Protein backbone atom coordinates (compact mmCIF):
# COMPACT_ATOMS: atom_id res chain seq x y z
CA MET A 1 -53.88 -71.53 106.24
CA VAL A 2 -55.82 -73.49 103.62
CA LYS A 3 -57.06 -70.21 102.11
CA LYS A 4 -53.51 -68.89 101.61
CA GLY A 5 -52.54 -72.10 99.81
CA GLN A 6 -55.58 -71.92 97.55
CA VAL A 7 -54.84 -68.28 96.67
CA LYS A 8 -51.23 -69.18 95.81
CA ILE A 9 -52.43 -72.02 93.56
CA GLN A 10 -54.90 -69.67 91.83
CA GLN A 11 -52.17 -67.05 91.33
CA MET A 12 -49.88 -69.69 89.83
CA ALA A 13 -52.68 -70.92 87.48
CA PHE A 14 -53.44 -67.37 86.28
CA MET A 15 -49.73 -66.69 85.72
CA LEU A 16 -49.39 -69.88 83.67
CA ILE A 17 -52.44 -68.96 81.57
CA ALA A 18 -51.16 -65.39 81.04
CA LEU A 19 -47.69 -66.66 80.12
CA THR A 20 -49.18 -69.16 77.64
CA ILE A 21 -51.32 -66.45 76.00
CA PHE A 22 -48.26 -64.17 75.76
CA PHE A 23 -46.16 -66.83 74.00
CA VAL A 24 -49.02 -67.69 71.63
CA LEU A 25 -49.32 -64.02 70.63
CA VAL A 26 -45.55 -63.70 70.12
CA GLY A 27 -45.60 -66.88 68.00
CA MET A 28 -48.43 -65.52 65.86
CA VAL A 29 -46.54 -62.27 65.21
CA VAL A 30 -43.43 -64.22 64.19
CA LEU A 31 -45.50 -66.41 61.82
CA ILE A 32 -47.13 -63.36 60.22
CA PHE A 33 -43.72 -61.81 59.46
CA THR A 34 -42.38 -65.11 58.15
CA PHE A 35 -45.33 -65.81 55.83
CA SER A 36 -45.50 -62.25 54.50
CA GLY A 37 -42.02 -62.78 53.06
CA VAL A 38 -43.09 -66.08 51.51
CA THR A 39 -46.00 -64.53 49.61
CA ASP A 40 -43.75 -61.74 48.29
CA ALA A 41 -41.22 -64.34 47.13
CA ALA A 42 -43.95 -66.40 45.45
CA THR A 43 -45.25 -63.32 43.60
CA GLU A 44 -41.74 -62.46 42.44
CA LEU A 45 -41.14 -66.04 41.28
CA ASN A 46 -44.40 -66.09 39.29
CA GLU A 47 -43.50 -62.80 37.59
CA ARG A 48 -40.07 -64.20 36.69
CA ASN A 49 -41.73 -67.33 35.27
CA ALA A 50 -43.96 -65.15 33.09
CA MET A 51 -40.91 -63.35 31.69
CA LEU A 52 -39.12 -66.63 30.98
CA LEU A 53 -42.22 -68.02 29.31
CA VAL A 54 -42.55 -65.06 26.93
CA SER A 55 -38.86 -65.37 25.99
CA LYS A 56 -39.22 -69.11 25.44
CA LEU A 57 -42.38 -68.61 23.40
CA SER A 58 -40.75 -66.19 20.96
CA ASN A 59 -38.05 -68.78 20.21
CA SER A 60 -40.37 -71.80 19.99
CA PRO A 61 -40.63 -73.56 16.60
CA GLU A 62 -44.26 -72.42 16.17
CA PHE A 63 -43.24 -68.75 16.30
CA ALA A 64 -39.53 -68.48 15.48
CA CYS A 65 -38.21 -67.27 12.14
CA GLY A 66 -35.57 -69.97 11.98
CA ASP A 67 -33.52 -69.72 8.79
CA SER A 68 -36.37 -68.23 6.76
CA PHE A 69 -34.89 -64.74 6.88
CA GLY A 70 -31.20 -65.41 6.35
CA ASN A 71 -29.44 -66.45 9.51
CA ASN A 72 -31.06 -67.86 12.64
CA LYS A 73 -32.31 -64.83 14.60
CA LEU A 74 -33.25 -64.73 18.28
CA ALA A 75 -36.51 -63.12 19.36
CA CYS A 76 -37.74 -63.15 15.78
CA VAL A 77 -41.37 -64.09 15.15
CA ASP A 78 -42.43 -65.24 11.69
CA PHE A 79 -45.63 -63.34 10.86
CA ASP A 80 -46.64 -65.89 8.21
CA LYS A 81 -46.29 -68.80 10.69
CA VAL A 82 -48.28 -66.95 13.32
CA MET A 83 -51.14 -66.27 10.93
CA ALA A 84 -51.20 -69.94 9.92
CA LEU A 85 -51.13 -70.88 13.60
CA LYS A 86 -54.02 -68.51 14.28
CA MET A 87 -56.20 -70.47 11.85
CA ASN A 88 -55.50 -73.73 13.78
CA ILE A 89 -55.17 -72.40 17.33
CA GLU A 90 -57.76 -74.81 18.75
CA GLU A 91 -55.18 -77.60 18.57
CA TYR A 92 -52.66 -75.54 20.56
CA GLU A 93 -54.96 -73.82 23.05
CA ASN A 94 -53.67 -75.69 26.12
CA PHE A 95 -50.19 -76.39 24.74
CA TRP A 96 -48.41 -73.43 26.33
CA GLY A 97 -50.57 -73.13 29.45
CA VAL A 98 -51.38 -69.46 28.84
CA SER A 99 -54.69 -67.65 28.77
CA ASN A 100 -53.67 -64.94 26.28
CA ILE A 101 -51.13 -64.56 23.51
CA GLU A 102 -51.05 -61.27 21.64
CA ILE A 103 -48.53 -59.76 19.26
CA ARG A 104 -48.80 -56.01 18.72
CA LYS A 105 -46.82 -54.16 16.06
CA LEU A 106 -45.24 -50.97 17.31
CA SER A 107 -45.92 -48.49 14.55
CA SER A 108 -46.23 -44.75 14.38
CA SER A 109 -49.63 -44.91 12.68
CA GLY A 110 -51.47 -45.42 15.97
CA ARG A 111 -53.96 -47.83 14.38
CA SER A 112 -55.07 -50.92 16.22
CA THR A 113 -56.49 -53.19 13.54
CA LEU A 114 -56.99 -56.85 14.46
CA CYS A 115 -55.37 -59.25 12.00
CA THR A 116 -57.62 -61.45 9.92
CA GLN A 117 -57.00 -63.49 6.80
CA GLY A 118 -58.52 -60.63 4.77
CA ASN A 119 -56.38 -57.72 5.99
CA TYR A 120 -53.08 -59.58 6.51
CA PRO A 121 -50.29 -58.16 6.56
CA ASN A 122 -51.78 -54.64 6.87
CA CYS A 123 -52.83 -55.01 10.50
CA GLU A 124 -51.33 -54.32 13.92
CA ILE A 125 -52.70 -56.79 16.48
CA ILE A 126 -52.64 -60.59 16.32
CA ARG A 127 -54.60 -62.32 19.09
CA LEU A 128 -53.90 -66.03 19.10
CA ILE A 129 -55.51 -67.02 22.38
CA ASP A 130 -57.99 -64.56 23.84
CA LYS A 131 -59.46 -65.70 27.13
CA GLU A 132 -60.23 -63.66 30.21
CA ILE A 133 -57.06 -62.00 31.49
CA ALA A 134 -56.10 -63.39 34.88
CA GLY A 135 -52.92 -64.17 36.76
CA PHE A 136 -49.58 -62.84 35.61
CA ASP A 137 -48.66 -61.16 32.38
CA SER A 138 -45.42 -60.32 30.71
CA SER A 139 -44.19 -58.93 27.44
CA ASN A 140 -41.03 -58.80 25.40
CA PHE A 141 -39.96 -56.96 22.28
CA VAL A 142 -39.50 -59.12 19.18
CA SER A 143 -38.87 -58.72 15.47
CA LEU A 144 -42.00 -59.53 13.48
CA CYS A 145 -40.87 -60.58 10.00
CA HIS A 146 -42.63 -61.64 6.82
CA LYS A 147 -41.97 -61.87 3.10
CA GLU A 148 -43.29 -58.96 1.06
CA LYS A 149 -43.43 -58.39 -2.68
CA PHE A 150 -42.26 -55.16 -4.26
CA GLU A 151 -42.68 -55.07 -8.02
CA ASP A 152 -41.21 -58.43 -9.15
CA THR A 153 -38.99 -59.22 -6.17
CA PHE A 154 -39.62 -60.54 -2.72
CA TYR A 155 -37.85 -59.08 0.28
CA ASP A 156 -37.82 -59.62 4.04
CA LYS A 157 -39.74 -57.01 5.97
CA CYS A 158 -39.17 -56.94 9.73
CA GLU A 159 -40.93 -54.65 12.18
CA LEU A 160 -40.65 -54.11 15.90
CA ALA A 161 -43.44 -55.77 17.85
CA LYS A 162 -44.36 -56.64 21.40
CA LEU A 163 -45.19 -60.25 22.30
CA MET A 164 -47.55 -60.27 25.30
CA ILE A 165 -48.75 -63.27 27.25
CA SER A 166 -50.76 -63.76 30.40
CA TYR A 167 -51.44 -66.91 32.30
CA GLU A 168 -53.37 -67.97 35.32
CA VAL A 169 -51.54 -69.45 38.27
CA ALA A 170 -53.29 -72.49 39.74
CA ASN A 171 -54.27 -71.95 43.36
CA ALA A 172 -53.20 -74.64 45.80
CA ASN A 173 -56.23 -74.82 48.10
C-alpha cells in the first residue's frame, strides 16, 4: 500500500514539473512575439526621427536662405552660408548630433566634384561632417541657392539638391 502512495506522489510531481515547463515555454513564445513588435516599432520611430531631423536641419538658421533671396523660402539652403559653415565646422561638429551631413546638387552633368574654397560654386558635393556612416540616414530635396554675377548684375541662382544626413543611435545596454 505504501508503494502505491509513493507512485501516486511521483506521478503528481512529474505532472507538476511537466505543467510548469509547458507554461514557461508558452510564456517565452508570447514574449518573443511581443518583443518582435517592439523592435519593429523602435526601428520605425528612429527612421521617422531621421526624416524630421533632415527637415529641421534644412530650415535651421545655419542653413536656411531666410530673406536673402526675396521672400522667406522653406527647404531652401544658402550655398554661401554652407560654405562658410564648412570652414568652421569643428565648432558645430556635435551640435546637431549627426555623423554625416552632405548636400549633393542634382545636375545632369553627372560630375561628382567635392566643394572646396577653390572650386566654389562650380562643384556638386558639399560634405560638412564626414564620419563613418552608421545608424539611420535620411534625405530630403532642397533648393540650393547662391548669388551669382552675370556681366555687371547679380542674380539669385537656385538649383535642386539633396540634403542627406546620417546619425548613430545610442545603444541602451
